[in-house]
Amino acid sequence: MGSVRKASAWLGLVDDNDDERYYDDDYSEGTEPGEAWVTDPRVKVATDVAEEKGRRIGTVTPDSFRDARAIGEMFRDGVPVIMNLTAMEASDAKRVVDFAAGLIFGLRGSIDRVSNRVFLLTPADTEIVNGDPAPHRTDGFFNQS
């Protein structure tokens, strides 16, 4: 295809039929319609492994207070939940935070503010590791005293 034709095709002035030559029926040798693709039983899907080991974190971005139930159900099942309340009105966001405070009190969890209107609810058996830098050592490699 010439450069003028390519430019015309890119602008949408002419049909770009040049790409059709790359699509052959040889590449459609997959499963037939209606035939299910089966995963090797030795391979576990990541969500299954994460659920078995308790390594799941839920994220919820509620639109209204009605969505608080999803937060409560995940937290009750022992899943840490990140609540993103940025899409909510201030009055509803306050109600959801109050609801979350009741959840963590009743289930002995904790709540941490991640950023403005984003909170992390953690169950009682979950430890939050702080990412603060370690204190500087005076006997380290970079100490040039």
N, C-alpha and C. Protein backbone atom coordinates (compact mmCIF):
# COMPACT_ATOMS: atom_id res chain seq x y z
N MET A 1 0.85 -1.16 0.00
CA MET A 1 0.00 0.00 0.00
C MET A 1 0.90 1.22 0.00
N GLY A 2 0.60 2.16 -0.88
CA GLY A 2 1.40 3.36 -0.98
C GLY A 2 1.17 4.30 0.20
N SER A 3 2.07 5.25 0.34
CA SER A 3 1.98 6.15 1.49
C SER A 3 0.74 7.04 1.42
N VAL A 4 0.33 7.45 0.22
CA VAL A 4 -0.88 8.26 0.08
C VAL A 4 -2.10 7.43 0.47
N ARG A 5 -2.13 6.18 0.05
CA ARG A 5 -3.27 5.30 0.38
C ARG A 5 -3.29 5.03 1.88
N LYS A 6 -2.11 4.82 2.49
CA LYS A 6 -2.05 4.61 3.94
C LYS A 6 -2.57 5.83 4.69
N ALA A 7 -2.16 7.00 4.24
CA ALA A 7 -2.62 8.23 4.89
C ALA A 7 -4.12 8.39 4.72
N SER A 8 -4.62 8.09 3.54
CA SER A 8 -6.06 8.19 3.28
C SER A 8 -6.84 7.19 4.13
N ALA A 9 -6.27 5.99 4.29
CA ALA A 9 -6.92 4.97 5.12
C ALA A 9 -6.90 5.39 6.58
N TRP A 10 -5.79 5.98 7.01
CA TRP A 10 -5.68 6.43 8.40
C TRP A 10 -6.68 7.54 8.69
N LEU A 11 -6.90 8.42 7.72
CA LEU A 11 -7.87 9.49 7.88
C LEU A 11 -9.31 9.00 7.70
N GLY A 12 -9.47 7.78 7.22
CA GLY A 12 -10.80 7.23 7.05
C GLY A 12 -11.44 7.60 5.73
N LEU A 13 -10.65 8.07 4.79
CA LEU A 13 -11.18 8.49 3.50
C LEU A 13 -11.41 7.31 2.57
N VAL A 14 -10.63 6.23 2.73
CA VAL A 14 -10.79 5.02 1.93
C VAL A 14 -10.79 3.83 2.87
N ASP A 15 -11.33 2.70 2.39
CA ASP A 15 -11.33 1.48 3.18
C ASP A 15 -9.93 0.88 3.19
N ASP A 16 -9.52 0.41 4.34
CA ASP A 16 -8.22 -0.23 4.48
C ASP A 16 -8.43 -1.73 4.44
N ASN A 17 -8.39 -2.30 3.25
CA ASN A 17 -8.60 -3.73 3.07
C ASN A 17 -7.31 -4.51 3.09
N ASP A 18 -6.20 -3.82 3.28
CA ASP A 18 -4.90 -4.47 3.24
C ASP A 18 -4.69 -5.40 4.42
N ASP A 19 -5.36 -5.16 5.54
CA ASP A 19 -5.18 -5.99 6.73
C ASP A 19 -5.87 -7.34 6.61
N GLU A 20 -6.80 -7.48 5.69
CA GLU A 20 -7.54 -8.72 5.58
C GLU A 20 -6.66 -9.89 5.17
N ARG A 21 -5.55 -9.63 4.54
CA ARG A 21 -4.68 -10.72 4.10
C ARG A 21 -4.03 -11.42 5.28
N TYR A 22 -3.98 -10.79 6.43
CA TYR A 22 -3.36 -11.39 7.61
C TYR A 22 -4.30 -12.32 8.36
N TYR A 23 -5.57 -12.27 8.07
CA TYR A 23 -6.55 -13.08 8.79
C TYR A 23 -6.93 -14.28 7.94
N ASP A 24 -6.30 -15.37 8.20
CA ASP A 24 -6.60 -16.61 7.49
C ASP A 24 -7.43 -17.50 8.39
N ASP A 25 -8.10 -18.44 7.78
CA ASP A 25 -8.88 -19.40 8.56
C ASP A 25 -8.00 -20.39 9.30
N ASP A 26 -6.71 -20.45 8.94
CA ASP A 26 -5.80 -21.37 9.61
C ASP A 26 -5.63 -21.02 11.08
N TYR A 27 -5.82 -19.77 11.42
CA TYR A 27 -5.63 -19.33 12.80
C TYR A 27 -6.85 -19.59 13.68
N SER A 28 -7.93 -19.99 13.10
CA SER A 28 -9.14 -20.22 13.88
C SER A 28 -9.29 -21.68 14.30
N GLU A 29 -8.17 -22.39 14.45
CA GLU A 29 -8.21 -23.79 14.80
C GLU A 29 -8.38 -24.02 16.29
N GLY A 30 -9.07 -23.22 16.98
CA GLY A 30 -9.26 -23.40 18.41
C GLY A 30 -10.41 -24.34 18.69
N THR A 31 -11.12 -24.06 19.72
CA THR A 31 -12.26 -24.89 20.08
C THR A 31 -13.42 -24.57 19.16
N GLU A 32 -14.23 -25.53 18.93
CA GLU A 32 -15.42 -25.34 18.12
C GLU A 32 -16.46 -24.58 18.93
N PRO A 33 -17.36 -23.89 18.28
CA PRO A 33 -18.41 -23.20 19.03
C PRO A 33 -19.20 -24.19 19.89
N GLY A 34 -19.39 -23.83 21.13
CA GLY A 34 -20.12 -24.70 22.05
C GLY A 34 -19.21 -25.66 22.81
N GLU A 35 -17.96 -25.79 22.39
CA GLU A 35 -17.01 -26.68 23.06
C GLU A 35 -16.27 -25.88 24.13
N ALA A 36 -16.33 -26.35 25.36
CA ALA A 36 -15.72 -25.62 26.47
C ALA A 36 -14.24 -25.89 26.54
N TRP A 37 -13.50 -24.87 26.90
CA TRP A 37 -12.06 -25.02 27.11
C TRP A 37 -11.84 -25.45 28.54
N VAL A 38 -11.13 -26.52 28.76
CA VAL A 38 -10.95 -27.09 30.08
C VAL A 38 -9.52 -26.81 30.56
N THR A 39 -9.41 -26.32 31.78
CA THR A 39 -8.11 -26.06 32.37
C THR A 39 -7.52 -27.35 32.90
N ASP A 40 -6.23 -27.50 32.77
CA ASP A 40 -5.53 -28.65 33.31
C ASP A 40 -5.79 -28.69 34.82
N PRO A 41 -6.22 -29.81 35.38
CA PRO A 41 -6.55 -29.85 36.81
C PRO A 41 -5.36 -29.60 37.72
N ARG A 42 -4.15 -29.72 37.20
CA ARG A 42 -2.97 -29.42 38.02
C ARG A 42 -2.74 -27.93 38.18
N VAL A 43 -3.37 -27.12 37.33
CA VAL A 43 -3.22 -25.68 37.37
C VAL A 43 -4.35 -25.10 38.21
N LYS A 44 -3.98 -24.32 39.21
CA LYS A 44 -5.00 -23.68 40.04
C LYS A 44 -5.11 -22.22 39.64
N VAL A 45 -6.32 -21.75 39.56
CA VAL A 45 -6.57 -20.36 39.25
C VAL A 45 -6.12 -19.53 40.45
N ALA A 46 -5.57 -18.36 40.20
CA ALA A 46 -5.00 -17.54 41.27
C ALA A 46 -6.03 -17.22 42.34
N THR A 47 -7.27 -16.98 41.97
CA THR A 47 -8.27 -16.64 42.97
C THR A 47 -8.56 -17.81 43.89
N ASP A 48 -8.50 -19.04 43.36
CA ASP A 48 -8.72 -20.22 44.21
C ASP A 48 -7.60 -20.36 45.23
N VAL A 49 -6.37 -20.19 44.79
CA VAL A 49 -5.22 -20.29 45.70
C VAL A 49 -5.27 -19.19 46.74
N ALA A 50 -5.59 -17.98 46.31
CA ALA A 50 -5.67 -16.85 47.25
C ALA A 50 -6.76 -17.08 48.28
N GLU A 51 -7.88 -17.64 47.85
CA GLU A 51 -8.96 -17.90 48.79
C GLU A 51 -8.58 -18.97 49.79
N GLU A 52 -7.87 -20.02 49.33
CA GLU A 52 -7.45 -21.08 50.23
C GLU A 52 -6.48 -20.57 51.30
N LYS A 53 -5.58 -19.69 50.90
CA LYS A 53 -4.56 -19.20 51.82
C LYS A 53 -5.00 -17.93 52.55
N GLY A 54 -6.18 -17.44 52.29
CA GLY A 54 -6.66 -16.25 52.96
C GLY A 54 -5.94 -14.99 52.52
N ARG A 55 -5.51 -14.95 51.28
CA ARG A 55 -4.77 -13.80 50.75
C ARG A 55 -5.62 -13.04 49.75
N ARG A 56 -6.70 -12.51 50.24
CA ARG A 56 -7.58 -11.73 49.37
C ARG A 56 -7.78 -10.36 50.00
N ILE A 57 -7.95 -9.37 49.17
CA ILE A 57 -8.30 -8.03 49.61
C ILE A 57 -9.44 -7.56 48.72
N GLY A 58 -10.51 -7.09 49.36
CA GLY A 58 -11.64 -6.59 48.59
C GLY A 58 -11.55 -5.09 48.40
N THR A 59 -11.98 -4.62 47.27
CA THR A 59 -12.07 -3.18 47.03
C THR A 59 -13.52 -2.85 46.69
N VAL A 60 -14.04 -1.84 47.35
CA VAL A 60 -15.42 -1.43 47.12
C VAL A 60 -15.44 0.08 46.91
N THR A 61 -16.10 0.50 45.85
CA THR A 61 -16.31 1.92 45.57
C THR A 61 -17.82 2.15 45.54
N PRO A 62 -18.41 2.37 46.70
CA PRO A 62 -19.87 2.49 46.75
C PRO A 62 -20.35 3.81 46.12
N ASP A 63 -21.55 3.73 45.55
CA ASP A 63 -22.20 4.93 45.01
C ASP A 63 -23.13 5.55 46.04
N SER A 64 -23.68 4.71 46.90
CA SER A 64 -24.61 5.19 47.92
C SER A 64 -24.47 4.28 49.15
N PHE A 65 -25.22 4.62 50.18
CA PHE A 65 -25.15 3.85 51.41
C PHE A 65 -25.65 2.42 51.22
N ARG A 66 -26.48 2.20 50.20
CA ARG A 66 -26.98 0.84 49.93
C ARG A 66 -25.86 -0.14 49.64
N ASP A 67 -24.72 0.34 49.15
CA ASP A 67 -23.61 -0.54 48.81
C ASP A 67 -22.78 -0.94 50.03
N ALA A 68 -23.13 -0.43 51.20
CA ALA A 68 -22.39 -0.76 52.42
C ALA A 68 -22.51 -2.24 52.76
N ARG A 69 -23.56 -2.86 52.33
CA ARG A 69 -23.75 -4.28 52.62
C ARG A 69 -22.61 -5.13 52.06
N ALA A 70 -22.14 -4.80 50.85
CA ALA A 70 -21.03 -5.54 50.24
C ALA A 70 -19.78 -5.41 51.10
N ILE A 71 -19.55 -4.25 51.66
CA ILE A 71 -18.41 -4.03 52.54
C ILE A 71 -18.54 -4.92 53.77
N GLY A 72 -19.71 -4.92 54.38
CA GLY A 72 -19.94 -5.71 55.58
C GLY A 72 -19.81 -7.20 55.35
N GLU A 73 -20.31 -7.69 54.22
CA GLU A 73 -20.24 -9.12 53.94
C GLU A 73 -18.81 -9.59 53.73
N MET A 74 -18.02 -8.81 53.00
CA MET A 74 -16.63 -9.20 52.79
C MET A 74 -15.85 -9.15 54.10
N PHE A 75 -16.05 -8.09 54.87
CA PHE A 75 -15.32 -7.94 56.13
C PHE A 75 -15.71 -9.03 57.11
N ARG A 76 -16.97 -9.37 57.14
CA ARG A 76 -17.45 -10.44 58.03
C ARG A 76 -16.83 -11.78 57.68
N ASP A 77 -16.50 -11.98 56.38
CA ASP A 77 -15.85 -13.22 55.94
C ASP A 77 -14.35 -13.21 56.19
N GLY A 78 -13.83 -12.16 56.81
CA GLY A 78 -12.41 -12.08 57.13
C GLY A 78 -11.53 -11.51 56.03
N VAL A 79 -12.14 -10.85 55.07
CA VAL A 79 -11.39 -10.27 53.96
C VAL A 79 -11.12 -8.79 54.25
N PRO A 80 -9.85 -8.35 54.19
CA PRO A 80 -9.59 -6.91 54.32
C PRO A 80 -10.27 -6.16 53.17
N VAL A 81 -10.80 -4.99 53.47
CA VAL A 81 -11.57 -4.24 52.48
C VAL A 81 -11.00 -2.84 52.34
N ILE A 82 -10.78 -2.43 51.10
CA ILE A 82 -10.43 -1.04 50.81
C ILE A 82 -11.71 -0.35 50.37
N MET A 83 -12.11 0.67 51.13
CA MET A 83 -13.31 1.45 50.80
C MET A 83 -12.88 2.74 50.13
N ASN A 84 -13.31 2.94 48.91
CA ASN A 84 -13.03 4.17 48.18
C ASN A 84 -14.32 4.98 48.14
N LEU A 85 -14.40 6.00 48.96
CA LEU A 85 -15.63 6.78 49.10
C LEU A 85 -15.59 8.07 48.29
N THR A 86 -14.66 8.19 47.36
CA THR A 86 -14.51 9.44 46.61
C THR A 86 -15.68 9.72 45.68
N ALA A 87 -16.43 8.71 45.29
CA ALA A 87 -17.54 8.91 44.36
C ALA A 87 -18.85 9.23 45.09
N MET A 88 -18.81 9.27 46.42
CA MET A 88 -20.04 9.45 47.19
C MET A 88 -20.20 10.89 47.64
N GLU A 89 -21.43 11.24 47.94
CA GLU A 89 -21.71 12.53 48.57
C GLU A 89 -21.18 12.48 49.99
N ALA A 90 -20.84 13.63 50.54
CA ALA A 90 -20.21 13.70 51.86
C ALA A 90 -21.10 13.10 52.95
N SER A 91 -22.40 13.33 52.88
CA SER A 91 -23.29 12.80 53.92
C SER A 91 -23.37 11.28 53.88
N ASP A 92 -23.46 10.71 52.68
CA ASP A 92 -23.48 9.25 52.56
C ASP A 92 -22.14 8.64 52.93
N ALA A 93 -21.04 9.32 52.57
CA ALA A 93 -19.71 8.82 52.92
C ALA A 93 -19.56 8.76 54.44
N LYS A 94 -20.08 9.75 55.13
CA LYS A 94 -20.00 9.75 56.60
C LYS A 94 -20.79 8.58 57.17
N ARG A 95 -21.94 8.28 56.60
CA ARG A 95 -22.74 7.14 57.06
C ARG A 95 -22.00 5.82 56.84
N VAL A 96 -21.31 5.69 55.70
CA VAL A 96 -20.56 4.46 55.42
C VAL A 96 -19.39 4.33 56.39
N VAL A 97 -18.72 5.43 56.71
CA VAL A 97 -17.62 5.38 57.67
C VAL A 97 -18.16 4.99 59.04
N ASP A 98 -19.31 5.52 59.42
CA ASP A 98 -19.92 5.13 60.70
C ASP A 98 -20.27 3.64 60.70
N PHE A 99 -20.79 3.16 59.60
CA PHE A 99 -21.11 1.74 59.46
C PHE A 99 -19.84 0.90 59.60
N ALA A 100 -18.76 1.34 58.93
CA ALA A 100 -17.49 0.61 58.99
C ALA A 100 -16.93 0.64 60.41
N ALA A 101 -17.11 1.74 61.11
CA ALA A 101 -16.63 1.82 62.50
C ALA A 101 -17.37 0.80 63.36
N GLY A 102 -18.65 0.63 63.13
CA GLY A 102 -19.41 -0.39 63.84
C GLY A 102 -18.93 -1.80 63.51
N LEU A 103 -18.61 -2.03 62.23
CA LEU A 103 -18.09 -3.33 61.82
C LEU A 103 -16.79 -3.65 62.54
N ILE A 104 -15.86 -2.72 62.53
CA ILE A 104 -14.56 -3.02 63.13
C ILE A 104 -14.66 -3.14 64.64
N PHE A 105 -15.58 -2.40 65.24
CA PHE A 105 -15.76 -2.54 66.68
C PHE A 105 -16.35 -3.90 67.02
N GLY A 106 -17.38 -4.29 66.29
CA GLY A 106 -18.05 -5.56 66.55
C GLY A 106 -17.19 -6.79 66.26
N LEU A 107 -16.33 -6.69 65.25
CA LEU A 107 -15.50 -7.83 64.86
C LEU A 107 -14.04 -7.66 65.26
N ARG A 108 -13.77 -6.70 66.11
CA ARG A 108 -12.42 -6.44 66.66
C ARG A 108 -11.37 -6.19 65.59
N GLY A 109 -11.75 -5.51 64.53
CA GLY A 109 -10.82 -5.19 63.46
C GLY A 109 -10.22 -3.82 63.65
N SER A 110 -9.69 -3.27 62.57
CA SER A 110 -9.14 -1.91 62.63
C SER A 110 -9.44 -1.19 61.33
N ILE A 111 -9.39 0.13 61.41
CA ILE A 111 -9.62 0.96 60.23
C ILE A 111 -8.47 1.94 60.13
N ASP A 112 -7.96 2.11 58.91
CA ASP A 112 -6.86 3.03 58.65
C ASP A 112 -7.21 3.87 57.45
N ARG A 113 -6.88 5.15 57.53
CA ARG A 113 -7.10 6.05 56.42
C ARG A 113 -5.92 5.93 55.47
N VAL A 114 -6.18 5.56 54.23
CA VAL A 114 -5.15 5.40 53.22
C VAL A 114 -4.88 6.75 52.55
N SER A 115 -5.93 7.43 52.16
CA SER A 115 -5.84 8.77 51.59
C SER A 115 -7.18 9.45 51.83
N ASN A 116 -7.37 10.59 51.23
CA ASN A 116 -8.61 11.33 51.42
C ASN A 116 -9.80 10.50 50.94
N ARG A 117 -10.67 10.14 51.86
CA ARG A 117 -11.89 9.37 51.60
C ARG A 117 -11.63 7.94 51.11
N VAL A 118 -10.46 7.38 51.40
CA VAL A 118 -10.14 5.98 51.10
C VAL A 118 -9.65 5.35 52.40
N PHE A 119 -10.30 4.23 52.79
CA PHE A 119 -10.01 3.59 54.07
C PHE A 119 -9.73 2.11 53.87
N LEU A 120 -8.92 1.56 54.76
CA LEU A 120 -8.62 0.14 54.77
C LEU A 120 -9.18 -0.46 56.05
N LEU A 121 -10.08 -1.43 55.89
CA LEU A 121 -10.65 -2.16 57.02
C LEU A 121 -9.93 -3.50 57.10
N THR A 122 -9.35 -3.80 58.25
CA THR A 122 -8.63 -5.06 58.40
C THR A 122 -9.22 -5.86 59.54
N PRO A 123 -9.42 -7.17 59.33
CA PRO A 123 -9.94 -8.04 60.38
C PRO A 123 -8.93 -8.17 61.52
N ALA A 124 -9.39 -8.75 62.63
CA ALA A 124 -8.57 -8.87 63.83
C ALA A 124 -7.30 -9.68 63.61
N ASP A 125 -7.33 -10.66 62.73
CA ASP A 125 -6.16 -11.53 62.54
C ASP A 125 -5.20 -11.03 61.46
N THR A 126 -5.33 -9.78 61.04
CA THR A 126 -4.50 -9.22 59.98
C THR A 126 -3.57 -8.16 60.56
N GLU A 127 -2.29 -8.26 60.21
CA GLU A 127 -1.32 -7.28 60.67
C GLU A 127 -1.01 -6.32 59.54
N ILE A 128 -1.01 -5.05 59.84
CA ILE A 128 -0.65 -4.04 58.86
C ILE A 128 0.82 -3.70 59.08
N VAL A 129 1.60 -3.85 58.03
CA VAL A 129 3.02 -3.56 58.11
C VAL A 129 3.22 -2.13 57.61
N ASN A 130 3.81 -1.32 58.45
CA ASN A 130 4.01 0.08 58.12
C ASN A 130 5.18 0.20 57.16
N GLY A 131 5.05 1.04 56.18
CA GLY A 131 6.10 1.21 55.18
C GLY A 131 7.06 2.33 55.50
N ASP A 132 7.15 2.78 56.77
CA ASP A 132 8.09 3.84 57.13
C ASP A 132 9.51 3.35 56.94
N PRO A 133 10.39 4.23 56.49
CA PRO A 133 11.78 3.80 56.31
C PRO A 133 12.43 3.48 57.65
N ALA A 134 13.35 2.54 57.60
CA ALA A 134 14.07 2.15 58.81
C ALA A 134 14.95 3.30 59.28
N PRO A 135 15.20 3.39 60.58
CA PRO A 135 16.08 4.46 61.06
C PRO A 135 17.48 4.30 60.48
N HIS A 136 18.15 5.43 60.26
CA HIS A 136 19.48 5.40 59.66
C HIS A 136 20.50 4.83 60.64
N ARG A 137 21.34 3.98 60.12
CA ARG A 137 22.38 3.38 60.95
C ARG A 137 23.64 4.24 60.86
N THR A 138 24.33 4.35 61.96
CA THR A 138 25.56 5.14 61.96
C THR A 138 26.78 4.30 61.62
N ASP A 139 26.62 2.99 61.66
CA ASP A 139 27.77 2.13 61.34
C ASP A 139 27.65 1.48 59.99
N GLY A 140 26.83 2.03 59.13
CA GLY A 140 26.56 1.42 57.84
C GLY A 140 27.61 1.73 56.79
N PHE A 141 27.34 1.23 55.62
CA PHE A 141 28.25 1.34 54.49
C PHE A 141 28.48 2.79 54.08
N PHE A 142 27.43 3.59 54.11
CA PHE A 142 27.54 4.96 53.63
C PHE A 142 28.01 5.94 54.69
N ASN A 143 28.33 5.47 55.88
CA ASN A 143 28.83 6.35 56.92
C ASN A 143 30.30 6.64 56.62
N GLN A 144 30.58 7.84 56.22
CA GLN A 144 31.94 8.21 55.82
C GLN A 144 32.60 9.12 56.85
N SER A 145 32.30 8.96 58.15
CA SER A 145 32.87 9.83 59.18
C SER A 145 34.32 9.56 59.40
